[in-house]
Protein backbone atom coordinates (compact mmCIF):
# COMPACT_ATOMS: atom_id res chain seq x y z
CA MET A 1 17.55 -19.83 -13.30
CA TRP A 2 19.30 -17.36 -10.99
CA TRP A 3 16.59 -17.54 -8.34
CA GLU A 4 16.70 -21.30 -7.83
CA ASN A 5 19.53 -21.12 -5.27
CA ALA A 6 19.10 -17.49 -4.20
CA VAL A 7 18.48 -16.28 -0.65
CA PHE A 8 15.80 -13.55 -0.66
CA TYR A 9 15.36 -10.80 1.91
CA GLU A 10 12.04 -9.01 2.33
CA ILE A 11 12.28 -5.29 3.10
CA TYR A 12 9.24 -3.58 4.61
CA ILE A 13 10.52 -0.19 3.54
CA ALA A 14 8.89 2.08 6.12
CA SER A 15 10.46 0.12 8.98
CA PHE A 16 13.84 -0.87 7.54
CA ALA A 17 16.33 2.00 7.55
CA ASP A 18 15.72 5.75 7.82
CA SER A 19 18.35 7.82 5.99
CA ASP A 20 17.00 11.33 6.63
CA GLY A 21 15.81 11.23 10.25
CA ASP A 22 12.09 11.65 9.61
CA GLY A 23 11.24 8.39 11.36
CA ILE A 24 10.31 6.55 8.17
CA GLY A 25 12.46 4.04 6.32
CA ASP A 26 13.31 4.99 2.75
CA ILE A 27 15.07 3.93 -0.44
CA ASN A 28 18.34 5.65 0.43
CA GLY A 29 18.26 3.80 3.75
CA ILE A 30 18.18 0.53 1.80
CA ARG A 31 21.08 1.71 -0.36
CA LYS A 32 23.19 2.35 2.73
CA LYS A 33 22.54 -1.18 3.98
CA LEU A 34 23.43 -2.95 0.72
CA PRO A 35 27.00 -3.75 1.86
CA TYR A 36 25.63 -5.24 5.10
CA LEU A 37 23.12 -7.36 3.16
CA LYS A 38 25.76 -8.51 0.71
CA GLU A 39 28.17 -9.40 3.50
CA PHE A 40 25.82 -11.77 5.25
CA GLY A 41 24.90 -13.49 1.99
CA ILE A 42 21.71 -12.03 0.52
CA ASP A 43 21.23 -12.54 -3.23
CA ALA A 44 17.95 -10.73 -3.87
CA LEU A 45 15.75 -8.13 -2.21
CA TRP A 46 11.96 -8.10 -2.21
CA LEU A 47 10.70 -4.54 -1.74
CA THR A 48 7.19 -4.07 -0.34
CA PRO A 49 5.09 -1.30 -1.98
CA PHE A 50 6.84 2.07 -2.23
CA TYR A 51 4.28 3.70 -4.56
CA PRO A 52 2.26 6.82 -3.73
CA SER A 53 -0.54 5.79 -1.39
CA PRO A 54 -2.93 7.20 1.23
CA LYS A 55 -1.51 4.43 3.51
CA VAL A 56 -4.87 3.08 4.61
CA ASP A 57 -3.25 -0.36 4.32
CA ASN A 58 0.36 0.79 4.66
CA GLY A 59 1.00 1.08 0.93
CA TYR A 60 -1.07 -1.84 -0.32
CA ASP A 61 -3.60 0.78 -1.43
CA VAL A 62 -1.78 2.19 -4.46
CA SER A 63 -2.73 5.54 -5.94
CA ASP A 64 -0.01 5.64 -8.66
CA TYR A 65 1.65 2.49 -9.97
CA CYS A 66 4.46 4.27 -11.81
CA ALA A 67 5.98 6.55 -9.18
CA VAL A 68 7.70 6.54 -5.79
CA ASP A 69 5.97 7.91 -2.70
CA PRO A 70 7.87 11.08 -1.69
CA GLN A 71 8.28 9.80 1.88
CA TYR A 72 10.40 6.95 0.46
CA GLY A 73 12.37 8.96 -2.09
CA THR A 74 12.31 9.47 -5.85
CA LEU A 75 12.45 7.47 -9.04
CA ALA A 76 16.07 8.59 -9.38
CA ALA A 77 16.82 7.11 -5.94
CA PHE A 78 15.09 3.88 -6.95
CA ASP A 79 17.12 3.70 -10.16
CA LEU A 80 20.30 4.20 -8.15
CA LEU A 81 19.27 1.44 -5.73
CA VAL A 82 18.78 -1.00 -8.61
CA GLU A 83 22.09 0.02 -10.17
CA GLU A 84 24.07 -0.35 -6.94
CA ALA A 85 22.40 -3.66 -6.08
CA HIS A 86 23.28 -5.02 -9.51
CA GLN A 87 26.88 -3.87 -9.07
CA LEU A 88 26.96 -6.04 -5.95
CA GLU A 89 25.40 -8.91 -7.93
CA MET A 90 22.14 -8.63 -6.00
CA ARG A 91 18.72 -8.69 -7.64
CA ILE A 92 15.60 -6.62 -6.92
CA ILE A 93 12.01 -7.84 -7.06
CA ILE A 94 9.07 -5.57 -6.26
CA ASP A 95 5.58 -5.99 -4.87
CA VAL A 96 2.78 -5.41 -7.36
CA VAL A 97 -0.76 -4.98 -6.06
CA VAL A 98 -3.11 -5.50 -8.99
CA ASN A 99 -6.12 -7.02 -7.26
CA HIS A 100 -7.20 -3.54 -6.22
CA THR A 101 -6.20 0.11 -6.25
CA SER A 102 -6.70 2.91 -3.80
CA THR A 103 -9.97 4.77 -4.25
CA LYS A 104 -7.66 7.78 -4.68
CA HIS A 105 -6.17 6.27 -7.83
CA PRO A 106 -7.10 8.30 -10.95
CA TRP A 107 -8.56 5.15 -12.50
CA PHE A 108 -11.10 4.79 -9.71
CA ILE A 109 -11.84 8.51 -9.52
CA GLU A 110 -12.72 8.41 -13.21
CA SER A 111 -14.69 5.18 -12.80
CA ALA A 112 -16.74 6.69 -9.97
CA SER A 113 -17.45 9.91 -11.87
CA GLY A 114 -20.42 8.45 -13.74
CA LYS A 115 -21.99 5.29 -15.13
CA GLU A 116 -21.18 6.31 -18.68
CA HIS A 117 -17.48 6.98 -18.13
CA PRO A 118 -15.17 4.74 -20.24
CA LYS A 119 -13.43 3.51 -17.07
CA ARG A 120 -16.68 2.63 -15.26
CA ASP A 121 -16.15 -1.04 -16.08
CA TRP A 122 -12.55 -1.02 -14.82
CA TYR A 123 -13.98 -1.72 -11.36
CA ILE A 124 -16.88 -3.87 -10.15
CA TRP A 125 -20.15 -1.99 -9.75
CA ARG A 126 -23.56 -3.51 -8.93
CA ASP A 127 -27.04 -2.22 -8.23
CA GLN A 128 -27.39 -4.54 -5.23
CA PRO A 129 -24.70 -6.21 -3.10
CA ASN A 130 -24.48 -9.92 -2.41
CA ASN A 131 -23.33 -11.37 0.92
CA TRP A 132 -19.58 -11.27 0.24
CA GLU A 133 -17.56 -10.06 3.21
CA SER A 134 -14.33 -8.10 3.20
CA PHE A 135 -11.26 -9.94 4.45
CA PHE A 136 -10.85 -6.98 6.81
CA GLY A 137 -14.36 -7.43 8.22
CA GLY A 138 -17.84 -6.22 7.28
CA SER A 139 -19.49 -6.13 3.87
CA ALA A 140 -17.27 -6.14 0.80
CA TRP A 141 -19.61 -3.64 -0.89
CA LYS A 142 -19.61 0.13 -0.47
CA TYR A 143 -22.56 2.27 -1.56
CA ASP A 144 -21.77 5.26 -3.77
CA ALA A 145 -24.62 7.77 -3.49
CA ALA A 146 -23.44 9.82 -6.47
CA THR A 147 -24.08 6.98 -8.93
CA ASP A 148 -26.52 4.92 -6.85
CA GLN A 149 -24.46 1.72 -7.11
CA TYR A 150 -22.14 -0.37 -4.93
CA TYR A 151 -18.48 -1.04 -5.68
CA TYR A 152 -16.65 -4.18 -4.56
CA HIS A 153 -13.67 -4.12 -2.18
CA SER A 154 -12.33 -7.45 -0.96
CA PHE A 155 -10.20 -5.61 1.60
CA ALA A 156 -10.66 -2.07 2.97
CA GLU A 157 -13.37 0.12 1.46
CA GLU A 158 -10.58 2.42 0.29
CA GLN A 159 -9.19 -0.49 -1.80
CA ALA A 160 -11.51 -0.97 -4.78
CA ASP A 161 -11.11 -4.24 -6.69
CA LEU A 162 -10.18 -4.06 -10.36
CA ASN A 163 -12.38 -5.84 -12.89
CA TRP A 164 -10.11 -8.39 -14.57
CA GLN A 165 -12.82 -9.31 -17.06
CA ASN A 166 -12.02 -5.99 -18.72
CA GLN A 167 -9.24 -6.32 -21.31
CA GLU A 168 -8.22 -2.69 -20.84
CA VAL A 169 -7.45 -3.39 -17.19
CA LYS A 170 -5.18 -6.26 -18.16
CA GLN A 171 -3.37 -4.09 -20.73
CA ALA A 172 -2.94 -1.27 -18.20
CA VAL A 173 -1.32 -3.72 -15.76
CA PHE A 174 1.00 -5.00 -18.50
CA ASP A 175 2.02 -1.38 -19.09
CA VAL A 176 2.82 -0.97 -15.39
CA LEU A 177 4.98 -4.09 -15.38
CA ARG A 178 6.74 -2.93 -18.55
CA PHE A 179 7.52 0.39 -16.85
CA TRP A 180 9.33 -1.31 -13.95
CA LEU A 181 11.06 -3.87 -16.15
CA GLY A 182 12.42 -0.91 -18.06
CA ARG A 183 13.94 0.35 -14.80
CA GLY A 184 15.80 -2.91 -14.28
CA VAL A 185 13.76 -4.88 -11.77
CA ASP A 186 14.39 -8.63 -11.79
CA GLY A 187 10.99 -9.93 -10.78
CA PHE A 188 7.60 -9.40 -9.19
CA ARG A 189 5.80 -10.58 -6.10
CA PHE A 190 2.07 -10.62 -6.89
CA ASP A 191 -0.08 -9.68 -3.90
CA VAL A 192 -3.24 -11.78 -3.15
CA ILE A 193 -3.25 -12.76 -6.79
CA ASN A 194 -5.86 -15.54 -6.46
CA ASN A 195 -8.41 -12.92 -5.39
CA LEU A 196 -8.74 -11.42 -8.88
CA THR A 197 -12.35 -11.07 -9.96
CA VAL A 198 -12.60 -12.69 -13.37
CA SER A 199 -16.18 -13.98 -13.19
CA ASP A 200 -19.57 -12.29 -13.35
CA GLN A 201 -21.26 -15.01 -11.27
CA PHE A 202 -21.84 -13.11 -8.02
CA ILE A 203 -23.34 -16.03 -6.11
CA ASP A 204 -23.55 -15.67 -2.32
CA ASN A 205 -20.81 -17.31 -0.30
CA PRO A 206 -22.03 -20.13 1.96
CA VAL A 207 -22.18 -19.46 5.70
CA ARG A 208 -21.00 -22.09 8.17
CA LYS A 209 -22.88 -23.19 11.30
CA ASP A 210 -20.66 -20.94 13.41
CA GLY A 211 -21.87 -17.94 11.41
CA LYS A 212 -18.58 -17.40 9.61
CA GLN A 213 -18.49 -17.11 5.85
CA ASP A 214 -16.64 -19.51 3.56
CA HIS A 215 -14.76 -17.47 0.96
CA CYS A 216 -15.20 -20.04 -1.80
CA ILE A 217 -16.90 -17.97 -4.50
CA ASP A 218 -15.00 -14.68 -4.24
CA VAL A 219 -11.49 -16.24 -4.55
CA ASN A 220 -10.00 -18.82 -6.95
CA GLN A 221 -12.73 -18.01 -9.45
CA PRO A 222 -13.29 -20.08 -12.60
CA GLY A 223 -11.07 -18.74 -15.35
CA ILE A 224 -8.51 -17.09 -13.08
CA LYS A 225 -5.68 -19.41 -14.11
CA ARG A 226 -6.24 -18.62 -17.76
CA VAL A 227 -5.79 -14.92 -16.97
CA LEU A 228 -2.72 -15.52 -14.80
CA LYS A 229 -1.15 -17.82 -17.38
CA GLU A 230 -1.46 -15.08 -19.96
CA LEU A 231 0.15 -12.66 -17.51
CA ASN A 232 3.10 -14.96 -16.83
CA GLN A 233 3.59 -15.84 -20.49
CA TRP A 234 3.73 -12.15 -21.35
CA ILE A 235 6.40 -11.55 -18.68
CA LYS A 236 8.52 -14.48 -19.89
CA THR A 237 8.25 -13.19 -23.45
CA VAL A 238 9.78 -9.91 -22.30
CA ASP A 239 12.59 -11.73 -20.44
CA PRO A 240 12.59 -15.44 -19.46
CA SER A 241 14.78 -14.73 -16.43
CA ILE A 242 12.21 -12.47 -14.75
CA PHE A 243 11.12 -14.14 -11.50
CA THR A 244 7.44 -14.36 -10.55
CA VAL A 245 6.22 -15.39 -7.10
CA ALA A 246 2.57 -15.51 -6.12
CA GLU A 247 0.95 -14.75 -2.82
CA ILE A 248 -1.98 -17.16 -2.65
CA SER A 249 -4.42 -16.47 0.17
CA SER A 250 -4.45 -20.06 1.38
CA ASP A 251 -2.49 -22.35 3.65
CA GLN A 252 -3.59 -25.47 1.72
CA LEU A 253 -0.61 -26.98 -0.08
CA ALA A 254 -2.60 -28.34 -3.03
CA ARG A 255 -4.25 -24.95 -3.59
CA ILE A 256 -0.93 -23.09 -3.38
CA ASN A 257 0.83 -25.45 -5.80
CA SER A 258 -2.00 -25.28 -8.32
CA TYR A 259 -0.83 -21.73 -9.11
CA THR A 260 2.66 -22.89 -10.10
CA GLU A 261 1.55 -25.45 -12.68
CA ASP A 262 1.19 -25.29 -16.44
CA GLY A 263 2.91 -22.01 -17.30
CA LEU A 264 1.84 -20.12 -14.18
CA PHE A 265 4.13 -18.63 -11.51
CA ASP A 266 7.72 -19.72 -10.90
CA THR A 267 6.76 -20.42 -7.32
CA ALA A 268 4.29 -19.34 -4.63
CA PHE A 269 4.52 -18.56 -0.94
CA HIS A 270 3.95 -21.72 1.08
CA PHE A 271 1.87 -20.46 3.98
CA ASN A 272 1.20 -24.05 5.04
CA LEU A 273 4.54 -23.77 6.89
CA GLY A 274 5.05 -20.02 6.88
CA SER A 275 1.91 -19.22 8.83
CA MET A 276 2.11 -21.91 11.53
CA GLU A 277 0.89 -20.41 14.80
CA GLU A 278 3.04 -22.76 16.86
CA LEU A 279 5.84 -25.16 16.05
CA ASP A 280 4.21 -28.46 15.11
CA LEU A 281 6.88 -30.99 14.14
CA GLU A 282 4.39 -33.55 12.83
CA LYS A 283 2.78 -31.01 10.52
CA LEU A 284 6.17 -29.63 9.48
CA THR A 285 7.40 -33.13 8.61
CA ARG A 286 4.21 -34.11 6.80
CA ASP A 287 4.20 -30.96 4.65
CA PHE A 288 7.97 -31.12 4.17
CA LYS A 289 7.65 -34.59 2.66
CA GLU A 290 4.96 -33.42 0.25
CA MET A 291 6.81 -30.21 -0.67
CA SER A 292 10.02 -32.13 -1.36
CA GLN A 293 8.21 -34.14 -4.03
CA GLN A 294 6.65 -31.25 -5.91
CA LYS A 295 8.07 -30.31 -9.30
CA LYS A 296 8.40 -26.56 -8.74
CA ILE A 297 10.84 -25.45 -6.05
CA PRO A 298 8.89 -24.42 -2.94
CA THR A 299 9.44 -21.30 -0.88
CA LEU A 300 10.67 -21.62 2.69
CA PHE A 301 9.98 -18.93 5.28
CA PHE A 302 8.85 -18.48 8.85
CA ASN A 303 8.54 -14.69 8.89
CA SER A 304 6.86 -11.94 6.88
CA HIS A 305 5.29 -8.51 7.34
CA ASP A 306 1.90 -10.12 8.06
CA MET A 307 2.60 -12.31 11.09
CA SER A 308 4.20 -12.40 14.51
CA ARG A 309 7.95 -12.96 14.40
CA SER A 310 9.17 -16.54 14.66
CA TRP A 311 11.48 -15.63 17.56
CA GLN A 312 8.35 -15.55 19.71
CA ARG A 313 5.75 -17.46 17.67
CA LEU A 314 7.77 -20.61 16.94
CA ALA A 315 11.00 -20.51 18.93
CA LYS A 316 9.40 -19.10 22.09
CA GLU A 317 12.55 -16.95 22.51
CA ASN A 318 14.78 -20.05 22.65
CA ARG A 319 18.03 -19.45 20.78
CA ASP A 320 18.65 -23.16 20.14
CA ILE A 321 15.22 -23.73 18.57
CA TYR A 322 15.70 -20.58 16.48
CA ARG A 323 18.99 -22.02 15.16
CA LEU A 324 17.28 -25.30 14.20
CA LEU A 325 14.65 -23.41 12.22
CA THR A 326 17.40 -21.45 10.48
CA VAL A 327 19.13 -24.66 9.41
CA PHE A 328 15.85 -25.97 8.02
CA LEU A 329 15.31 -22.78 5.99
CA LEU A 330 18.77 -22.58 4.50
CA ILE A 331 20.08 -26.15 4.14
CA ASN A 332 17.18 -27.49 2.16
CA ARG A 333 15.55 -27.69 -1.25
CA GLY A 334 13.62 -24.46 -1.46
CA ILE A 335 13.85 -20.73 -1.99
CA PRO A 336 14.38 -19.08 1.40
CA PHE A 337 12.68 -15.75 2.05
CA LEU A 338 14.08 -14.02 5.12
CA PHE A 339 12.29 -11.05 6.63
CA GLN A 340 14.19 -7.97 7.71
CA GLY A 341 15.66 -8.32 11.19
CA GLU A 342 15.16 -12.08 11.25
CA GLU A 343 18.92 -12.49 10.98
CA GLN A 344 19.26 -10.53 14.23
CA GLY A 345 16.45 -12.41 15.98
CA VAL A 346 14.43 -9.25 16.60
CA GLY A 347 11.11 -9.72 18.37
CA ASP A 348 7.59 -8.41 18.09
CA TYR A 349 6.48 -4.83 18.56
CA LEU A 350 3.28 -4.76 20.61
CA PRO A 351 1.29 -1.50 20.79
CA GLN A 352 0.13 -0.56 24.27
CA GLN A 353 -2.79 1.62 23.21
CA LEU A 354 -5.10 2.12 20.25
CA ALA A 355 -3.25 5.29 19.19
CA ASP A 356 -0.11 3.20 18.56
CA ILE A 357 -1.81 0.72 16.22
CA ARG A 358 -1.17 1.29 12.51
CA ASP A 359 -2.64 -1.90 11.02
CA ILE A 360 -6.19 -1.40 9.71
CA GLN A 361 -7.01 -5.05 10.39
CA ALA A 362 -6.14 -4.60 14.08
CA LYS A 363 -7.99 -1.29 14.27
CA ASN A 364 -11.14 -2.94 12.94
CA LYS A 365 -10.78 -5.79 15.42
CA TYR A 366 -10.35 -3.32 18.29
CA GLN A 367 -13.59 -1.54 17.40
CA GLU A 368 -15.47 -4.84 17.15
CA GLU A 369 -14.25 -6.02 20.56
CA LEU A 370 -14.65 -2.63 22.23
CA ILE A 371 -18.42 -2.87 22.00
CA LEU A 372 -18.44 -6.40 23.40
CA SER A 373 -15.81 -6.38 26.12
CA GLY A 374 -14.19 -3.01 26.85
CA GLU A 375 -10.85 -1.33 26.17
CA SER A 376 -8.34 -3.67 27.83
CA HIS A 377 -9.71 -6.83 26.24
CA ALA A 378 -10.18 -5.06 22.91
CA LEU A 379 -6.45 -4.23 22.84
CA ILE A 380 -5.52 -7.84 23.65
CA MET A 381 -7.73 -9.16 20.86
CA ALA A 382 -6.50 -6.51 18.41
CA ASN A 383 -2.87 -7.44 19.08
CA GLN A 384 -3.64 -11.10 18.37
CA VAL A 385 -4.37 -10.21 14.73
CA ASN A 386 -2.12 -7.15 14.59
CA ARG A 387 0.27 -7.23 11.66
CA ASP A 388 2.20 -4.40 13.34
CA ARG A 389 3.90 -7.07 15.45
CA SER A 390 6.46 -7.73 12.73
CA ARG A 391 6.54 -4.17 11.39
CA GLY A 392 8.39 -2.40 14.20
CA MET A 393 11.31 -0.18 13.15
CA LEU A 394 14.56 -2.14 13.02
CA PRO A 395 16.77 -1.09 15.96
CA TRP A 396 20.04 -0.45 14.13
CA LEU A 397 21.30 1.92 16.85
CA SER A 398 21.30 1.47 20.63
CA ASN A 399 19.82 4.93 21.13
CA GLN A 400 17.36 4.74 18.21
CA GLN A 401 14.01 6.45 18.71
CA SER A 402 10.64 5.19 17.51
CA GLY A 403 9.54 6.48 14.12
CA TRP A 404 6.23 6.13 12.30
CA ILE A 405 5.76 3.02 14.47
CA GLY A 406 7.47 1.63 17.57
CA LEU A 407 10.72 -0.34 17.63
CA ALA A 408 11.07 -4.09 17.15
CA ALA A 409 12.31 -5.81 20.30
CA VAL A 410 16.12 -6.07 20.46
CA ASN A 411 17.60 -9.55 20.86
CA GLN A 412 20.59 -9.65 23.19
CA GLU A 413 22.00 -12.57 21.19
CA ALA A 414 21.76 -10.74 17.86
CA LYS A 415 25.47 -11.06 16.98
CA GLY A 416 25.52 -14.80 17.48
CA ILE A 417 22.29 -15.24 15.53
CA LEU A 418 23.67 -13.19 12.64
CA ALA A 419 26.80 -15.37 12.65
CA ASP A 420 24.58 -18.47 12.36
CA TYR A 421 22.87 -17.01 9.28
CA GLN A 422 26.18 -16.03 7.68
CA ASN A 423 27.70 -19.46 8.27
CA LEU A 424 24.65 -21.34 7.01
CA ILE A 425 24.25 -19.20 3.91
CA ARG A 426 27.94 -19.76 3.19
CA LEU A 427 27.42 -23.50 3.64
CA ARG A 428 24.37 -23.39 1.36
CA LYS A 429 26.38 -21.77 -1.40
CA THR A 430 29.31 -24.16 -0.97
CA GLU A 431 27.27 -27.36 -0.90
CA GLY A 432 24.17 -26.38 -2.90
CA PRO A 433 22.11 -26.06 -4.91
CA PHE A 434 20.05 -28.72 -3.16
CA THR A 435 17.98 -30.46 -5.81
CA ALA A 436 16.65 -33.52 -4.01
CA ILE A 437 15.56 -34.43 -0.49
CA ARG A 438 15.72 -38.02 0.78
CA ASN A 439 14.89 -40.01 3.90
CA ILE A 440 12.79 -37.44 5.74
CA LYS A 441 12.10 -38.90 9.18
CA LEU A 442 10.64 -37.63 12.43
CA THR A 443 11.67 -39.76 15.38
CA GLY A 444 10.24 -38.33 18.56
CA ASP A 445 11.33 -34.70 18.48
CA CYS A 446 14.18 -35.28 16.03
CA LEU A 447 13.76 -34.38 12.35
CA SER A 448 16.35 -35.76 9.93
CA TYR A 449 16.78 -35.71 6.17
CA GLN A 450 19.41 -35.93 3.45
CA THR A 451 20.18 -33.73 0.48
CA GLU A 452 22.99 -34.12 -2.02
CA SER A 453 25.98 -35.35 0.05
CA LEU A 454 24.68 -33.98 3.36
CA GLN A 455 22.84 -35.56 6.26
CA ILE A 456 20.95 -33.06 8.43
CA ILE A 457 19.74 -33.85 11.94
CA LEU A 458 17.60 -31.35 13.85
CA ASN A 459 16.99 -32.39 17.43
CA PHE A 460 14.17 -30.34 18.96
CA GLY A 461 14.03 -32.49 22.11
CA GLN A 462 16.26 -34.16 24.69
CA PRO A 463 19.79 -35.58 24.07
CA ILE A 464 19.80 -38.43 21.58
CA LYS A 465 22.04 -40.85 19.70
CA HIS A 466 21.27 -40.87 15.97
CA SER A 467 22.49 -43.38 13.41
CA LEU A 468 24.37 -42.21 10.31
CA GLU A 469 24.49 -43.45 6.77
CA GLY A 470 27.91 -43.85 5.23
CA ASN A 471 31.18 -42.33 6.37
CA ARG A 472 30.60 -38.67 7.26
CA LYS A 473 32.47 -35.74 8.70
CA THR A 474 30.98 -32.92 10.74
CA ILE A 475 30.64 -29.64 8.85
CA PHE A 476 28.17 -27.79 11.10
CA GLY A 477 26.61 -28.18 14.52
CA ASN A 478 27.68 -29.51 17.87
CA GLY A 479 27.04 -33.24 17.76
CA MET A 480 29.78 -35.69 18.74
CA LEU A 481 30.64 -38.50 16.34
CA SER A 482 31.16 -42.02 17.69
CA GLU A 483 34.59 -43.57 17.17
CA ASP A 484 33.28 -45.95 14.54
CA GLY A 485 31.47 -43.10 12.70
CA HIS A 486 28.13 -44.90 12.77
CA TRP A 487 26.46 -42.62 15.33
CA VAL A 488 26.32 -39.03 16.35
CA HIS A 489 25.41 -37.92 19.86
CA LEU A 490 23.38 -34.69 19.92
CA PRO A 491 22.70 -32.54 22.99
CA ALA A 492 19.19 -31.25 23.63
CA LYS A 493 17.89 -28.82 21.00
CA ALA A 494 20.95 -29.17 18.81
CA CYS A 495 21.69 -29.69 15.13
CA TRP A 496 24.31 -31.63 13.25
CA ILE A 497 25.21 -31.58 9.55
CA GLY A 498 27.55 -34.22 8.19
CA LYS A 499 29.06 -34.55 4.74
CA GLU A 500 29.71 -37.87 3.09
CA GLN A 501 33.40 -38.57 2.70
CA LEU A 502 34.46 -40.07 -0.60
């Protein structure tokens, strides 16, 4: 399929490119950057939610699934974006958030209007709450005085969970997907899709000795894969080439991969690597070996709109380490997902006061810590979980002003980093697709592996001499081959890619 060797690029629309000067990225801003994206080798764009929304969770609280939020543009602008992307042989996939809707969505407003309303059962209402906690903190149940019941929200209280036991809900979601397929989209990214409530067994979650709750009953519920298999089979019936990728709220490889088996999603986001807090070569190698053996092609990424940027988090602002991670992402068996600005090495945006925080998760953390430890510590703790870090406006211009949020940190080596991405994507397309990985080894701080006719050596440590298999020529990197061609000498924190000569 087309996506098996594609390079994806995630666009967090509000922070990407502002075409009209209102300080908010928009669809026309994306259109203007299509030539740039095409030039450095992008094959497909993933657009984060652009639907009408109160923005409690920056668009992941949808109030209308079949429209464009006016601050981002119009349906006509979206149609033009799809058309122009396709003319450049680029695909478009869109975020769909069907675990929950905004409480401002007409469906929920109708559901909350009375116990006898036909849409009452579209959401999850109970007379008494259980102990389930929201992933954003606090109880996952909100009392509604008008109807004397509680509704369930696994995230913010303004994000009410849909009841996937109800067949009408499933059909309504199919209608939404059909609407966007009719407008030419090439695939869907399904947000927190393993959170769907498909069971009526509201057993309390267990609580650990440290007082924290284990979310083992409210996610990955019995029967969820049956529902998701039906969803995926319906999509493939419409068009087998439509790409589906799942966001699974887990960093456990076995759990993630269980959602790509037996007619489920084409792939899933592999947070086992993507969400590493620090670069751990032993973990990377261990998971890499397991991922290379799985049947479905894994995703490869180190950045997204939910975590600190890898320039700081993993590379510690070291250009050489950043290049090694880029090689791993692009010259490998996997579907790379780059995040906007990654190709320029932009850094984190860190708010300096509560008023500058946009992320509801960080706001909640600030309020929790404020009571315990005061303002300065509360800000520090809030920024540790703050998803705003990766959501700063991209600094396209040297004199660019902040918009709805502050600017991402400019990298002085941006041009060189972009050249690395261009060269490696070009190499990927010349030598790929990479269908098999062999001989994965970690020797000290040096990770090496082979794919197709290439041998890849990533030296994260001090200068080394590394043995080679076969007769190879250098095609990327700055290692020095020995005269007999049996060894390559690598400087500290350097990579080398050699191709077998026939």
